[in-house]
Amino acid sequence: MRALVQRVSEARVTVDGRVVGEIGPGLLVLVCAMQGDTDAQSQWLARKVVNLRIFRDEQERMNRSVLDIGGSALVVSQFTLAAETKGNRPGFSTAAAPDDGKRLYEHFSSAVASYGVPVANGVFGADMKVALVNDGPVTIWLDSER
């Protein structure tokens, strides 16, 4: 699985003009299931995300996790993270099929919540508008172990 993790002061996602998920300080996690991914990759990625030390400590060093700060996570599905860009038009053949992608997205979101992080979600497959205040900015790309 693949995730783009952003440290945020706040973030929200809207569908058809209605806010469906919103958080204060924490992580915006854009996540994509790739072909062949399993629950094990989803669980590994969730553990990595909640323990990622990208929040400032008392010395202003990135040394605290979302768990340490009591932050939240906004988890949004984004199959375009699987983009292949050899030409000018991206291809997405390495993304998981929609049914697998949805299942793994939901598994990932539940796994993050199982660590005690409050989770808000987007809507899988919907046309979403994501607004955020990136804190830092801090943006980290993660791929699960295979």
C-alpha atoms as a PDB file:
ATOM      1  CA  MET A   1       0.000   0.000   0.000  1.00  0.00           C
ATOM      2  CA  ARG A   2       1.037   3.562  -0.506  1.00  0.00           C
ATOM      3  CA  ALA A   3       0.337   6.649   1.596  1.00  0.00           C
ATOM      4  CA  LEU A   4       1.081  10.326   1.395  1.00  0.00           C
ATOM      5  CA  VAL A   5       1.093  11.639   4.964  1.00  0.00           C
ATOM      6  CA  GLN A   6       0.801  15.343   5.733  1.00  0.00           C
ATOM      7  CA  ARG A   7       1.172  16.928   9.162  1.00  0.00           C
ATOM      8  CA  VAL A   8      -1.761  19.314   9.419  1.00  0.00           C
ATOM      9  CA  SER A   9      -3.171  21.950  11.742  1.00  0.00           C
ATOM     10  CA  GLU A  10      -6.591  21.107  10.294  1.00  0.00           C
ATOM     11  CA  ALA A  11      -8.100  19.257   7.358  1.00  0.00           C
ATOM     12  CA  ARG A  12     -11.508  18.437   5.962  1.00  0.00           C
ATOM     13  CA  VAL A  13     -13.061  16.628   3.038  1.00  0.00           C
ATOM     14  CA  THR A  14     -16.336  17.540   1.376  1.00  0.00           C
ATOM     15  CA  VAL A  15     -18.556  15.619  -1.020  1.00  0.00           C
ATOM     16  CA  ASP A  16     -21.283  17.478  -2.920  1.00  0.00           C
ATOM     17  CA  GLY A  17     -20.699  20.552  -0.748  1.00  0.00           C
ATOM     18  CA  ARG A  18     -21.173  18.605   2.510  1.00  0.00           C
ATOM     19  CA  VAL A  19     -18.331  18.061   5.011  1.00  0.00           C
ATOM     20  CA  VAL A  20     -17.962  14.291   5.469  1.00  0.00           C
ATOM     21  CA  GLY A  21     -14.747  14.256   7.507  1.00  0.00           C
ATOM     22  CA  GLU A  22     -12.859  16.881   9.472  1.00  0.00           C
ATOM     23  CA  ILE A  23      -9.974  16.993  11.970  1.00  0.00           C
ATOM     24  CA  GLY A  24      -7.904  19.496  13.914  1.00  0.00           C
ATOM     25  CA  PRO A  25      -4.183  18.887  14.526  1.00  0.00           C
ATOM     26  CA  GLY A  26      -2.960  15.547  13.222  1.00  0.00           C
ATOM     27  CA  LEU A  27      -2.412  13.752   9.951  1.00  0.00           C
ATOM     28  CA  LEU A  28      -4.063  13.872   6.560  1.00  0.00           C
ATOM     29  CA  VAL A  29      -3.382  10.450   5.074  1.00  0.00           C
ATOM     30  CA  LEU A  30      -4.015   9.942   1.365  1.00  0.00           C
ATOM     31  CA  VAL A  31      -3.942   6.181   0.858  1.00  0.00           C
ATOM     32  CA  CYS A  32      -3.903   3.851  -2.143  1.00  0.00           C
ATOM     33  CA  ALA A  33      -4.083   0.073  -2.295  1.00  0.00           C
ATOM     34  CA  MET A  34      -1.869  -1.451  -4.963  1.00  0.00           C
ATOM     35  CA  GLN A  35      -2.409  -4.716  -6.853  1.00  0.00           C
ATOM     36  CA  GLY A  36      -1.481  -7.681  -4.686  1.00  0.00           C
ATOM     37  CA  ASP A  37      -1.727  -5.787  -1.389  1.00  0.00           C
ATOM     38  CA  THR A  38      -3.091  -7.663   1.609  1.00  0.00           C
ATOM     39  CA  ASP A  39      -4.379  -6.929   5.088  1.00  0.00           C
ATOM     40  CA  ALA A  40      -0.798  -7.451   6.320  1.00  0.00           C
ATOM     41  CA  GLN A  41       0.449  -4.507   4.229  1.00  0.00           C
ATOM     42  CA  SER A  42      -2.480  -2.397   5.393  1.00  0.00           C
ATOM     43  CA  GLN A  43      -1.763  -3.200   9.051  1.00  0.00           C
ATOM     44  CA  TRP A  44       1.982  -2.530   8.610  1.00  0.00           C
ATOM     45  CA  LEU A  45       1.281   0.845   6.998  1.00  0.00           C
ATOM     46  CA  ALA A  46      -1.187   1.837   9.728  1.00  0.00           C
ATOM     47  CA  ARG A  47       1.372   1.030  12.430  1.00  0.00           C
ATOM     48  CA  LYS A  48       4.015   3.014  10.558  1.00  0.00           C
ATOM     49  CA  VAL A  49       1.724   6.038  10.152  1.00  0.00           C
ATOM     50  CA  VAL A  50       0.618   6.252  13.791  1.00  0.00           C
ATOM     51  CA  ASN A  51       4.202   5.892  15.030  1.00  0.00           C
ATOM     52  CA  LEU A  52       5.803   8.249  12.499  1.00  0.00           C
ATOM     53  CA  ARG A  53       7.625  10.877  14.551  1.00  0.00           C
ATOM     54  CA  ILE A  54       6.940  14.051  12.572  1.00  0.00           C
ATOM     55  CA  PHE A  55       5.532  16.347  15.266  1.00  0.00           C
ATOM     56  CA  ARG A  56       7.671  18.818  17.199  1.00  0.00           C
ATOM     57  CA  ASP A  57       8.885  18.116  20.717  1.00  0.00           C
ATOM     58  CA  GLU A  58       9.887  20.713  23.326  1.00  0.00           C
ATOM     59  CA  GLN A  59      13.176  21.343  21.466  1.00  0.00           C
ATOM     60  CA  GLU A  60      11.308  21.930  18.176  1.00  0.00           C
ATOM     61  CA  ARG A  61      12.672  18.656  16.737  1.00  0.00           C
ATOM     62  CA  MET A  62      10.449  16.207  14.868  1.00  0.00           C
ATOM     63  CA  ASN A  63      10.357  13.580  17.585  1.00  0.00           C
ATOM     64  CA  ARG A  64       6.684  12.947  18.417  1.00  0.00           C
ATOM     65  CA  SER A  65       4.012  10.829  16.758  1.00  0.00           C
ATOM     66  CA  VAL A  66       0.307  11.512  16.282  1.00  0.00           C
ATOM     67  CA  LEU A  67      -0.194   9.183  19.253  1.00  0.00           C
ATOM     68  CA  ASP A  68       2.160  11.287  21.379  1.00  0.00           C
ATOM     69  CA  ILE A  69       0.326  14.548  20.639  1.00  0.00           C
ATOM     70  CA  GLY A  70      -3.194  13.107  20.913  1.00  0.00           C
ATOM     71  CA  GLY A  71      -3.903  14.078  17.304  1.00  0.00           C
ATOM     72  CA  SER A  72      -6.397  12.736  14.788  1.00  0.00           C
ATOM     73  CA  ALA A  73      -6.189  11.299  11.288  1.00  0.00           C
ATOM     74  CA  LEU A  74      -8.231  12.146   8.218  1.00  0.00           C
ATOM     75  CA  VAL A  75      -7.944   9.120   5.931  1.00  0.00           C
ATOM     76  CA  VAL A  76      -8.823   9.710   2.283  1.00  0.00           C
ATOM     77  CA  SER A  77      -8.661   7.152  -0.539  1.00  0.00           C
ATOM     78  CA  GLN A  78      -6.635   8.311  -3.521  1.00  0.00           C
ATOM     79  CA  PHE A  79      -5.999   5.766  -6.260  1.00  0.00           C
ATOM     80  CA  THR A  80      -3.988   8.342  -8.237  1.00  0.00           C
ATOM     81  CA  LEU A  81      -1.044   7.639  -5.905  1.00  0.00           C
ATOM     82  CA  ALA A  82      -0.570   4.563  -8.109  1.00  0.00           C
ATOM     83  CA  ALA A  83       0.069   6.737 -11.174  1.00  0.00           C
ATOM     84  CA  GLU A  84       2.566   5.524 -13.746  1.00  0.00           C
ATOM     85  CA  THR A  85       3.959   8.556 -15.539  1.00  0.00           C
ATOM     86  CA  LYS A  86       6.134   7.284 -18.391  1.00  0.00           C
ATOM     87  CA  GLY A  87       4.186   9.411 -20.849  1.00  0.00           C
ATOM     88  CA  ASN A  88       2.164  12.555 -20.364  1.00  0.00           C
ATOM     89  CA  ARG A  89      -1.075  10.765 -19.468  1.00  0.00           C
ATOM     90  CA  PRO A  90      -0.841   8.850 -16.186  1.00  0.00           C
ATOM     91  CA  GLY A  91      -1.848   5.203 -16.078  1.00  0.00           C
ATOM     92  CA  PHE A  92      -3.230   3.455 -13.013  1.00  0.00           C
ATOM     93  CA  SER A  93      -2.857  -0.227 -13.834  1.00  0.00           C
ATOM     94  CA  THR A  94      -0.872  -0.895 -10.634  1.00  0.00           C
ATOM     95  CA  ALA A  95      -3.753   0.261  -8.405  1.00  0.00           C
ATOM     96  CA  ALA A  96      -5.867  -2.425  -6.777  1.00  0.00           C
ATOM     97  CA  ALA A  97      -9.239  -3.229  -8.316  1.00  0.00           C
ATOM     98  CA  PRO A  98     -12.014  -1.064  -6.807  1.00  0.00           C
ATOM     99  CA  ASP A  99     -13.446  -3.816  -4.563  1.00  0.00           C
ATOM    100  CA  ASP A 100     -10.011  -4.688  -3.169  1.00  0.00           C
ATOM    101  CA  GLY A 101      -9.087  -1.020  -2.908  1.00  0.00           C
ATOM    102  CA  LYS A 102     -12.187  -0.206  -0.881  1.00  0.00           C
ATOM    103  CA  ARG A 103     -11.718  -3.180   1.439  1.00  0.00           C
ATOM    104  CA  LEU A 104      -8.066  -2.345   2.072  1.00  0.00           C
ATOM    105  CA  TYR A 105      -8.831   1.364   2.531  1.00  0.00           C
ATOM    106  CA  GLU A 106     -11.431   0.504   5.163  1.00  0.00           C
ATOM    107  CA  HIS A 107      -9.044  -1.984   6.790  1.00  0.00           C
ATOM    108  CA  PHE A 108      -6.311   0.661   6.938  1.00  0.00           C
ATOM    109  CA  SER A 109      -8.667   3.219   8.469  1.00  0.00           C
ATOM    110  CA  SER A 110      -9.845   0.721  11.095  1.00  0.00           C
ATOM    111  CA  ALA A 111      -6.256  -0.276  11.841  1.00  0.00           C
ATOM    112  CA  VAL A 112      -5.282   3.369  12.469  1.00  0.00           C
ATOM    113  CA  ALA A 113      -8.277   3.710  14.809  1.00  0.00           C
ATOM    114  CA  SER A 114      -7.312   0.499  16.623  1.00  0.00           C
ATOM    115  CA  TYR A 115      -4.183   2.284  17.878  1.00  0.00           C
ATOM    116  CA  GLY A 116      -6.379   4.876  19.604  1.00  0.00           C
ATOM    117  CA  VAL A 117      -6.148   7.612  16.981  1.00  0.00           C
ATOM    118  CA  PRO A 118      -9.504   9.286  16.259  1.00  0.00           C
ATOM    119  CA  VAL A 119     -10.189   8.809  12.536  1.00  0.00           C
ATOM    120  CA  ALA A 120     -12.345  10.759  10.104  1.00  0.00           C
ATOM    121  CA  ASN A 121     -12.792   9.539   6.534  1.00  0.00           C
ATOM    122  CA  GLY A 122     -13.502  10.586   3.018  1.00  0.00           C
ATOM    123  CA  VAL A 123     -15.906   8.602   0.835  1.00  0.00           C
ATOM    124  CA  PHE A 124     -14.290   5.879  -1.264  1.00  0.00           C
ATOM    125  CA  GLY A 125     -14.737   6.503  -4.985  1.00  0.00           C
ATOM    126  CA  ALA A 126     -16.465   9.871  -4.527  1.00  0.00           C
ATOM    127  CA  ASP A 127     -15.455  13.158  -6.116  1.00  0.00           C
ATOM    128  CA  MET A 128     -13.989  14.757  -2.995  1.00  0.00           C
ATOM    129  CA  LYS A 129     -12.658  18.206  -2.216  1.00  0.00           C
ATOM    130  CA  VAL A 130      -9.862  18.145   0.360  1.00  0.00           C
ATOM    131  CA  ALA A 131      -8.836  21.276   2.237  1.00  0.00           C
ATOM    132  CA  LEU A 132      -5.903  21.372   4.632  1.00  0.00           C
ATOM    133  CA  VAL A 133      -3.452  23.560   6.433  1.00  0.00           C
ATOM    134  CA  ASN A 134      -0.141  21.728   6.052  1.00  0.00           C
ATOM    135  CA  ASP A 135       1.891  22.355   9.199  1.00  0.00           C
ATOM    136  CA  GLY A 136       5.561  22.889   8.422  1.00  0.00           C
ATOM    137  CA  PRO A 137       4.987  21.957   5.631  1.00  0.00           C
ATOM    138  CA  VAL A 138       5.659  18.302   6.386  1.00  0.00           C
ATOM    139  CA  THR A 139       4.764  15.703   3.758  1.00  0.00           C
ATOM    140  CA  ILE A 140       6.043  12.104   3.834  1.00  0.00           C
ATOM    141  CA  TRP A 141       5.647   9.383   1.192  1.00  0.00           C
ATOM    142  CA  LEU A 142       5.338   5.805   2.522  1.00  0.00           C
ATOM    143  CA  ASP A 143       5.180   2.446   0.773  1.00  0.00           C
ATOM    144  CA  SER A 144       4.347  -0.696   2.729  1.00  0.00           C
ATOM    145  CA  GLU A 145       6.800  -3.548   2.936  1.00  0.00           C
ATOM    146  CA  ARG A 146       6.169  -6.303   0.428  1.00  0.00           C
END
